[in-house]
Amino acid sequence: MNFATEALTWKLPTTVNYASDKIDMSVGDTSTALTFAELAARSDWSDFTLYAVRFNPVVDPGKVILPGVTNVFAHTAIGKRTVGELGRDMNTSLLIQVFVPHRKVKSFDECNVLFATTTDVTSNVPLADIEPNSGKWRKQFTGLALTGPATVAPGAVATIGVQLTDSAGKPLAFPVAIELEASAGYLNKRRLQLDAKGQGAVQVRADLLGAGDKITIKAGYRYYSGVGAITLGVQ
């Protein structure tokens, strides 16, 4: 799905031309383009990844950064900074954002695309408006639901199920690869490939733990940790 947020204050017309294999965007007399083929060929192409196009229609000529694509989550993994903070740190504008839910997508039609525009925007496809900094863009991302027992006995083993979901918690059937971490105990897998139904399971053992301890298990991705979590009490 394609979205637009009127986040730019520049008094310049914006044009968006969208196709499943190529995106063109212009602000004033400056334009940029992104093809799906060049994005999918990147070495950091991965499940649950957010890419952004560096694009500066209005900049200080002495501080111009060449156009290109940035892996947002790779840059913001520590502290989970916002896209706006990343843009300020890089001294650039990130006017096209593409969220890739899983690495097997075949075109932009299977991704979520956001355009940061002016109020004067022309597009060849419908764009759903999102208020700047409203948090609604994040709701387009997928989730991970972890299930398991509320408690585990000291030294015993508990099975934790994982289900890929949409933002509303409904199951999604994508075979994504996830990474897991545990605050205590022993986790038998730290990397897990979910099956075609978006499902998988790991086991955690309450090694060297006693009554009153807790184990928190978090699941995420290569570039974005802690998408889903569950806590078990030890008793």
C-alpha atoms as a PDB file:
ATOM      1  CA  MET A   1       0.000   0.000   0.000  1.00  0.00           C
ATOM      2  CA  ASN A   2       1.168   3.556  -0.727  1.00  0.00           C
ATOM      3  CA  PHE A   3       0.997   6.373   1.803  1.00  0.00           C
ATOM      4  CA  ALA A   4       1.785  10.079   1.832  1.00  0.00           C
ATOM      5  CA  THR A   5       2.553  12.395   4.706  1.00  0.00           C
ATOM      6  CA  GLU A   6       2.554  16.167   4.226  1.00  0.00           C
ATOM      7  CA  ALA A   7       5.785  16.570   6.151  1.00  0.00           C
ATOM      8  CA  LEU A   8       7.546  19.148   3.968  1.00  0.00           C
ATOM      9  CA  THR A   9       7.254  22.891   4.460  1.00  0.00           C
ATOM     10  CA  TRP A  10       8.895  23.832   1.174  1.00  0.00           C
ATOM     11  CA  LYS A  11       6.589  25.716  -1.220  1.00  0.00           C
ATOM     12  CA  LEU A  12       7.381  23.395  -4.118  1.00  0.00           C
ATOM     13  CA  PRO A  13       5.133  21.028  -6.090  1.00  0.00           C
ATOM     14  CA  THR A  14       5.650  17.292  -5.518  1.00  0.00           C
ATOM     15  CA  THR A  15       5.097  14.619  -8.176  1.00  0.00           C
ATOM     16  CA  VAL A  16       4.933  10.885  -7.492  1.00  0.00           C
ATOM     17  CA  ASN A  17       4.978   8.277 -10.261  1.00  0.00           C
ATOM     18  CA  TYR A  18       4.545   4.767  -8.895  1.00  0.00           C
ATOM     19  CA  ALA A  19       4.898   1.414 -10.652  1.00  0.00           C
ATOM     20  CA  SER A  20       5.417  -2.043  -9.211  1.00  0.00           C
ATOM     21  CA  ASP A  21       9.024  -2.089 -10.434  1.00  0.00           C
ATOM     22  CA  LYS A  22      10.005   1.598 -10.271  1.00  0.00           C
ATOM     23  CA  ILE A  23       9.257   4.723  -8.231  1.00  0.00           C
ATOM     24  CA  ASP A  24       9.923   8.274  -9.406  1.00  0.00           C
ATOM     25  CA  MET A  25       9.531  11.337  -7.197  1.00  0.00           C
ATOM     26  CA  SER A  26      10.233  14.994  -7.833  1.00  0.00           C
ATOM     27  CA  VAL A  27      10.113  18.069  -5.617  1.00  0.00           C
ATOM     28  CA  GLY A  28      10.384  21.279  -7.596  1.00  0.00           C
ATOM     29  CA  ASP A  29      13.059  20.779 -10.250  1.00  0.00           C
ATOM     30  CA  THR A  30      14.849  17.969  -8.398  1.00  0.00           C
ATOM     31  CA  SER A  31      13.938  14.326  -8.919  1.00  0.00           C
ATOM     32  CA  THR A  32      15.046  10.831  -7.982  1.00  0.00           C
ATOM     33  CA  ALA A  33      14.126   7.262  -8.903  1.00  0.00           C
ATOM     34  CA  LEU A  34      14.307   3.842  -7.273  1.00  0.00           C
ATOM     35  CA  THR A  35      13.868   0.474  -8.964  1.00  0.00           C
ATOM     36  CA  PHE A  36      12.783  -2.678  -7.185  1.00  0.00           C
ATOM     37  CA  ALA A  37      15.599  -4.610  -8.855  1.00  0.00           C
ATOM     38  CA  GLU A  38      18.324  -2.396  -7.365  1.00  0.00           C
ATOM     39  CA  LEU A  39      16.741  -2.596  -3.924  1.00  0.00           C
ATOM     40  CA  ALA A  40      16.377  -6.400  -3.973  1.00  0.00           C
ATOM     41  CA  ALA A  41      19.990  -6.777  -5.139  1.00  0.00           C
ATOM     42  CA  ARG A  42      21.408  -5.116  -2.015  1.00  0.00           C
ATOM     43  CA  SER A  43      23.579  -7.248   0.276  1.00  0.00           C
ATOM     44  CA  ASP A  44      21.459  -6.154   3.257  1.00  0.00           C
ATOM     45  CA  TRP A  45      18.162  -7.248   1.654  1.00  0.00           C
ATOM     46  CA  SER A  46      16.362  -8.978   4.510  1.00  0.00           C
ATOM     47  CA  ASP A  47      13.067  -9.704   6.238  1.00  0.00           C
ATOM     48  CA  PHE A  48      11.495  -6.763   8.101  1.00  0.00           C
ATOM     49  CA  THR A  49      13.679  -4.012   6.681  1.00  0.00           C
ATOM     50  CA  LEU A  50      13.026  -0.314   6.119  1.00  0.00           C
ATOM     51  CA  TYR A  51      14.861   1.446   3.312  1.00  0.00           C
ATOM     52  CA  ALA A  52      14.843   5.169   2.559  1.00  0.00           C
ATOM     53  CA  VAL A  53      16.019   7.213  -0.402  1.00  0.00           C
ATOM     54  CA  ARG A  54      18.395  10.067   0.383  1.00  0.00           C
ATOM     55  CA  PHE A  55      16.961  12.980  -1.573  1.00  0.00           C
ATOM     56  CA  ASN A  56      17.677  16.684  -1.055  1.00  0.00           C
ATOM     57  CA  PRO A  57      15.509  19.059  -3.095  1.00  0.00           C
ATOM     58  CA  VAL A  58      16.549  22.053  -0.956  1.00  0.00           C
ATOM     59  CA  VAL A  59      19.944  21.912   0.744  1.00  0.00           C
ATOM     60  CA  ASP A  60      23.029  23.915   1.521  1.00  0.00           C
ATOM     61  CA  PRO A  61      25.169  23.362  -1.631  1.00  0.00           C
ATOM     62  CA  GLY A  62      28.211  22.851   0.555  1.00  0.00           C
ATOM     63  CA  LYS A  63      26.579  19.962   2.426  1.00  0.00           C
ATOM     64  CA  VAL A  64      24.998  17.961  -0.382  1.00  0.00           C
ATOM     65  CA  ILE A  65      24.982  14.185   0.125  1.00  0.00           C
ATOM     66  CA  LEU A  66      24.740  12.164  -3.072  1.00  0.00           C
ATOM     67  CA  PRO A  67      21.421  10.380  -3.700  1.00  0.00           C
ATOM     68  CA  GLY A  68      21.286   6.774  -2.581  1.00  0.00           C
ATOM     69  CA  VAL A  69      19.445   4.224  -0.479  1.00  0.00           C
ATOM     70  CA  THR A  70      19.831   3.874   3.280  1.00  0.00           C
ATOM     71  CA  ASN A  71      18.913   0.848   5.413  1.00  0.00           C
ATOM     72  CA  VAL A  72      17.081   2.753   8.136  1.00  0.00           C
ATOM     73  CA  PHE A  73      16.867  -0.040  10.721  1.00  0.00           C
ATOM     74  CA  ALA A  74      20.562  -0.857  10.323  1.00  0.00           C
ATOM     75  CA  HIS A  75      21.411   2.759  11.182  1.00  0.00           C
ATOM     76  CA  THR A  76      18.870   3.139  13.985  1.00  0.00           C
ATOM     77  CA  ALA A  77      19.211  -0.278  15.662  1.00  0.00           C
ATOM     78  CA  ILE A  78      20.984   1.210  18.680  1.00  0.00           C
ATOM     79  CA  GLY A  79      18.457   3.276  20.571  1.00  0.00           C
ATOM     80  CA  LYS A  80      15.833   2.774  17.833  1.00  0.00           C
ATOM     81  CA  ARG A  81      16.112   6.371  16.673  1.00  0.00           C
ATOM     82  CA  THR A  82      13.410   7.795  14.433  1.00  0.00           C
ATOM     83  CA  VAL A  83      13.739   8.364  10.698  1.00  0.00           C
ATOM     84  CA  GLY A  84      13.700  12.103  11.384  1.00  0.00           C
ATOM     85  CA  GLU A  85      16.638  11.780  13.762  1.00  0.00           C
ATOM     86  CA  LEU A  86      18.522   9.692  11.215  1.00  0.00           C
ATOM     87  CA  GLY A  87      17.894  12.291   8.515  1.00  0.00           C
ATOM     88  CA  ARG A  88      19.250  15.060  10.747  1.00  0.00           C
ATOM     89  CA  ASP A  89      22.320  12.985  11.638  1.00  0.00           C
ATOM     90  CA  MET A  90      22.998  12.320   7.953  1.00  0.00           C
ATOM     91  CA  ASN A  91      22.158  15.893   6.942  1.00  0.00           C
ATOM     92  CA  THR A  92      19.769  14.622   4.298  1.00  0.00           C
ATOM     93  CA  SER A  93      16.067  14.253   3.558  1.00  0.00           C
ATOM     94  CA  LEU A  94      14.552  10.756   3.471  1.00  0.00           C
ATOM     95  CA  LEU A  95      11.548  11.416   1.256  1.00  0.00           C
ATOM     96  CA  ILE A  96      10.794   7.875   0.034  1.00  0.00           C
ATOM     97  CA  GLN A  97      10.546   5.018   2.529  1.00  0.00           C
ATOM     98  CA  VAL A  98       9.975   1.368   1.613  1.00  0.00           C
ATOM     99  CA  PHE A  99       9.101  -1.225   4.255  1.00  0.00           C
ATOM    100  CA  VAL A 100       9.927  -4.797   3.161  1.00  0.00           C
ATOM    101  CA  PRO A 101       7.885  -7.287   5.256  1.00  0.00           C
ATOM    102  CA  HIS A 102       9.816 -10.340   4.033  1.00  0.00           C
ATOM    103  CA  ARG A 103      12.673 -11.014   1.653  1.00  0.00           C
ATOM    104  CA  LYS A 104      10.570 -12.989  -0.844  1.00  0.00           C
ATOM    105  CA  VAL A 105       8.493 -10.019  -2.021  1.00  0.00           C
ATOM    106  CA  LYS A 106       8.564  -9.652  -5.807  1.00  0.00           C
ATOM    107  CA  SER A 107       7.695  -5.975  -6.292  1.00  0.00           C
ATOM    108  CA  PHE A 108       6.870  -2.702  -4.566  1.00  0.00           C
ATOM    109  CA  ASP A 109       3.221  -3.827  -4.621  1.00  0.00           C
ATOM    110  CA  GLU A 110       4.020  -6.260  -1.790  1.00  0.00           C
ATOM    111  CA  CYS A 111       5.783  -3.570   0.269  1.00  0.00           C
ATOM    112  CA  ASN A 112       4.514  -0.479   2.095  1.00  0.00           C
ATOM    113  CA  VAL A 113       5.735   2.760   0.539  1.00  0.00           C
ATOM    114  CA  LEU A 114       5.653   6.184   2.183  1.00  0.00           C
ATOM    115  CA  PHE A 115       6.246   9.504   0.419  1.00  0.00           C
ATOM    116  CA  ALA A 116       7.048  12.639   2.424  1.00  0.00           C
ATOM    117  CA  THR A 117       5.408  15.379   0.351  1.00  0.00           C
ATOM    118  CA  THR A 118       4.397  19.007   0.257  1.00  0.00           C
ATOM    119  CA  THR A 119       0.704  19.983   0.301  1.00  0.00           C
ATOM    120  CA  ASP A 120       0.881  20.392  -3.499  1.00  0.00           C
ATOM    121  CA  VAL A 121       1.272  16.768  -4.602  1.00  0.00           C
ATOM    122  CA  THR A 122       0.335  15.018  -7.856  1.00  0.00           C
ATOM    123  CA  SER A 123       0.364  11.228  -8.033  1.00  0.00           C
ATOM    124  CA  ASN A 124      -0.508   8.624 -10.657  1.00  0.00           C
ATOM    125  CA  VAL A 125      -1.862   6.319  -7.912  1.00  0.00           C
ATOM    126  CA  PRO A 126      -4.060   6.894  -4.836  1.00  0.00           C
ATOM    127  CA  LEU A 127      -2.122   7.868  -1.711  1.00  0.00           C
ATOM    128  CA  ALA A 128      -3.525   7.378   1.780  1.00  0.00           C
ATOM    129  CA  ASP A 129      -2.744  10.406   3.963  1.00  0.00           C
ATOM    130  CA  ILE A 130      -0.895   9.925   7.253  1.00  0.00           C
ATOM    131  CA  GLU A 131      -0.291  12.809   9.644  1.00  0.00           C
ATOM    132  CA  PRO A 132       3.401  13.535  10.260  1.00  0.00           C
ATOM    133  CA  ASN A 133       4.748  11.892  13.434  1.00  0.00           C
ATOM    134  CA  SER A 134       1.360  10.293  14.149  1.00  0.00           C
ATOM    135  CA  GLY A 135       2.773   6.796  14.576  1.00  0.00           C
ATOM    136  CA  LYS A 136       0.365   5.399  11.981  1.00  0.00           C
ATOM    137  CA  TRP A 137       3.217   4.515   9.624  1.00  0.00           C
ATOM    138  CA  ARG A 138       4.626   2.094  12.206  1.00  0.00           C
ATOM    139  CA  LYS A 139       1.273   0.283  12.211  1.00  0.00           C
ATOM    140  CA  GLN A 140       1.981  -0.960   8.686  1.00  0.00           C
ATOM    141  CA  PHE A 141       4.823  -3.118   9.996  1.00  0.00           C
ATOM    142  CA  THR A 142       4.411  -6.786  10.883  1.00  0.00           C
ATOM    143  CA  GLY A 143       4.488  -8.207  14.409  1.00  0.00           C
ATOM    144  CA  LEU A 144       5.588 -11.360  16.232  1.00  0.00           C
ATOM    145  CA  ALA A 145       3.287 -13.026  18.766  1.00  0.00           C
ATOM    146  CA  LEU A 146       4.986 -15.268  21.352  1.00  0.00           C
ATOM    147  CA  THR A 147       2.963 -17.795  23.328  1.00  0.00           C
ATOM    148  CA  GLY A 148       3.830 -20.202  26.112  1.00  0.00           C
ATOM    149  CA  PRO A 149       3.134 -21.161  29.728  1.00  0.00           C
ATOM    150  CA  ALA A 150       2.938 -18.489  32.401  1.00  0.00           C
ATOM    151  CA  THR A 151       5.484 -20.346  34.549  1.00  0.00           C
ATOM    152  CA  VAL A 152       8.258 -22.910  34.325  1.00  0.00           C
ATOM    153  CA  ALA A 153       9.762 -24.977  37.146  1.00  0.00           C
ATOM    154  CA  PRO A 154      13.452 -24.516  38.095  1.00  0.00           C
ATOM    155  CA  GLY A 155      15.562 -26.570  35.667  1.00  0.00           C
ATOM    156  CA  ALA A 156      12.521 -27.488  33.547  1.00  0.00           C
ATOM    157  CA  VAL A 157      11.904 -26.769  29.853  1.00  0.00           C
ATOM    158  CA  ALA A 158       9.115 -24.647  28.344  1.00  0.00           C
ATOM    159  CA  THR A 159       8.127 -24.450  24.671  1.00  0.00           C
ATOM    160  CA  ILE A 160       7.547 -20.989  23.204  1.00  0.00           C
ATOM    161  CA  GLY A 161       5.496 -20.671  20.034  1.00  0.00           C
ATOM    162  CA  VAL A 162       6.061 -17.857  17.535  1.00  0.00           C
ATOM    163  CA  GLN A 163       3.528 -16.536  15.018  1.00  0.00           C
ATOM    164  CA  LEU A 164       4.090 -13.802  12.467  1.00  0.00           C
ATOM    165  CA  THR A 165       1.203 -11.316  12.527  1.00  0.00           C
ATOM    166  CA  ASP A 166      -0.017  -8.138  10.922  1.00  0.00           C
ATOM    167  CA  SER A 167      -0.244  -4.916  12.925  1.00  0.00           C
ATOM    168  CA  ALA A 168      -3.647  -5.966  14.299  1.00  0.00           C
ATOM    169  CA  GLY A 169      -2.326  -9.293  15.587  1.00  0.00           C
ATOM    170  CA  LYS A 170      -3.840 -11.451  12.853  1.00  0.00           C
ATOM    171  CA  PRO A 171      -1.640 -14.349  11.611  1.00  0.00           C
ATOM    172  CA  LEU A 172       0.447 -13.828   8.478  1.00  0.00           C
ATOM    173  CA  ALA A 173       1.829 -16.698   6.387  1.00  0.00           C
ATOM    174  CA  PHE A 174       5.337 -15.513   5.469  1.00  0.00           C
ATOM    175  CA  PRO A 175       8.446 -17.699   6.039  1.00  0.00           C
ATOM    176  CA  VAL A 176      10.588 -15.044   7.717  1.00  0.00           C
ATOM    177  CA  ALA A 177      13.833 -15.615   9.613  1.00  0.00           C
ATOM    178  CA  ILE A 178      13.898 -14.200  13.137  1.00  0.00           C
ATOM    179  CA  GLU A 179      16.398 -13.811  15.958  1.00  0.00           C
ATOM    180  CA  LEU A 180      15.711 -14.466  19.655  1.00  0.00           C
ATOM    181  CA  GLU A 181      17.274 -13.599  22.991  1.00  0.00           C
ATOM    182  CA  ALA A 182      16.509 -14.567  26.590  1.00  0.00           C
ATOM    183  CA  SER A 183      17.170 -12.530  29.721  1.00  0.00           C
ATOM    184  CA  ALA A 184      17.914 -15.699  31.720  1.00  0.00           C
ATOM    185  CA  GLY A 185      17.992 -19.466  31.316  1.00  0.00           C
ATOM    186  CA  TYR A 186      19.062 -21.382  28.204  1.00  0.00           C
ATOM    187  CA  LEU A 187      17.472 -20.833  24.783  1.00  0.00           C
ATOM    188  CA  ASN A 188      17.949 -23.756  22.384  1.00  0.00           C
ATOM    189  CA  LYS A 189      17.781 -21.550  19.247  1.00  0.00           C
ATOM    190  CA  ARG A 190      18.806 -17.946  18.751  1.00  0.00           C
ATOM    191  CA  ARG A 191      17.924 -17.923  15.070  1.00  0.00           C
ATOM    192  CA  LEU A 192      14.676 -19.435  13.843  1.00  0.00           C
ATOM    193  CA  GLN A 193      13.244 -19.865  10.354  1.00  0.00           C
ATOM    194  CA  LEU A 194       9.462 -19.660  10.487  1.00  0.00           C
ATOM    195  CA  ASP A 195       7.577 -22.038   8.185  1.00  0.00           C
ATOM    196  CA  ALA A 196       5.242 -21.208   5.286  1.00  0.00           C
ATOM    197  CA  LYS A 197       2.478 -20.427   7.802  1.00  0.00           C
ATOM    198  CA  GLY A 198       4.687 -17.913   9.614  1.00  0.00           C
ATOM    199  CA  GLN A 199       5.011 -20.235  12.598  1.00  0.00           C
ATOM    200  CA  GLY A 200       7.823 -21.762  14.639  1.00  0.00           C
ATOM    201  CA  ALA A 201       8.826 -22.762  18.159  1.00  0.00           C
ATOM    202  CA  VAL A 202      11.827 -22.669  20.488  1.00  0.00           C
ATOM    203  CA  GLN A 203      12.533 -24.136  23.901  1.00  0.00           C
ATOM    204  CA  VAL A 204      13.849 -22.397  26.986  1.00  0.00           C
ATOM    205  CA  ARG A 205      15.256 -24.177  30.037  1.00  0.00           C
ATOM    206  CA  ALA A 206      15.277 -22.554  33.457  1.00  0.00           C
ATOM    207  CA  ASP A 207      18.908 -23.447  34.151  1.00  0.00           C
ATOM    208  CA  LEU A 208      20.349 -22.350  37.520  1.00  0.00           C
ATOM    209  CA  LEU A 209      17.178 -20.375  38.303  1.00  0.00           C
ATOM    210  CA  GLY A 210      14.981 -20.500  41.378  1.00  0.00           C
ATOM    211  CA  ALA A 211      11.465 -19.595  42.454  1.00  0.00           C
ATOM    212  CA  GLY A 212      10.775 -15.912  41.951  1.00  0.00           C
ATOM    213  CA  ASP A 213      13.105 -15.496  38.959  1.00  0.00           C
ATOM    214  CA  LYS A 214      11.742 -14.458  35.566  1.00  0.00           C
ATOM    215  CA  ILE A 215      12.695 -15.228  31.979  1.00  0.00           C
ATOM    216  CA  THR A 216      11.880 -12.711  29.244  1.00  0.00           C
ATOM    217  CA  ILE A 217      12.241 -13.904  25.670  1.00  0.00           C
ATOM    218  CA  LYS A 218      12.336 -11.349  22.855  1.00  0.00           C
ATOM    219  CA  ALA A 219      12.000 -12.015  19.140  1.00  0.00           C
ATOM    220  CA  GLY A 220      12.996  -9.719  16.311  1.00  0.00           C
ATOM    221  CA  TYR A 221      15.040  -9.459  13.156  1.00  0.00           C
ATOM    222  CA  ARG A 222      18.567  -8.877  11.972  1.00  0.00           C
ATOM    223  CA  TYR A 223      18.140  -5.111  11.988  1.00  0.00           C
ATOM    224  CA  TYR A 224      15.267  -4.694  14.470  1.00  0.00           C
ATOM    225  CA  SER A 225      15.128  -6.483  17.823  1.00  0.00           C
ATOM    226  CA  GLY A 226      12.294  -6.855  20.311  1.00  0.00           C
ATOM    227  CA  VAL A 227       9.332  -6.949  17.924  1.00  0.00           C
ATOM    228  CA  GLY A 228       7.609  -9.504  20.183  1.00  0.00           C
ATOM    229  CA  ALA A 229       8.198 -10.709  23.748  1.00  0.00           C
ATOM    230  CA  ILE A 230       6.942 -13.030  26.466  1.00  0.00           C
ATOM    231  CA  THR A 231       7.843 -13.371  30.173  1.00  0.00           C
ATOM    232  CA  LEU A 232       7.731 -16.613  32.164  1.00  0.00           C
ATOM    233  CA  GLY A 233       7.875 -16.808  35.931  1.00  0.00           C
ATOM    234  CA  VAL A 234      10.014 -19.463  37.567  1.00  0.00           C
ATOM    235  CA  GLN A 235       8.247 -21.350  40.351  1.00  0.00           C
END
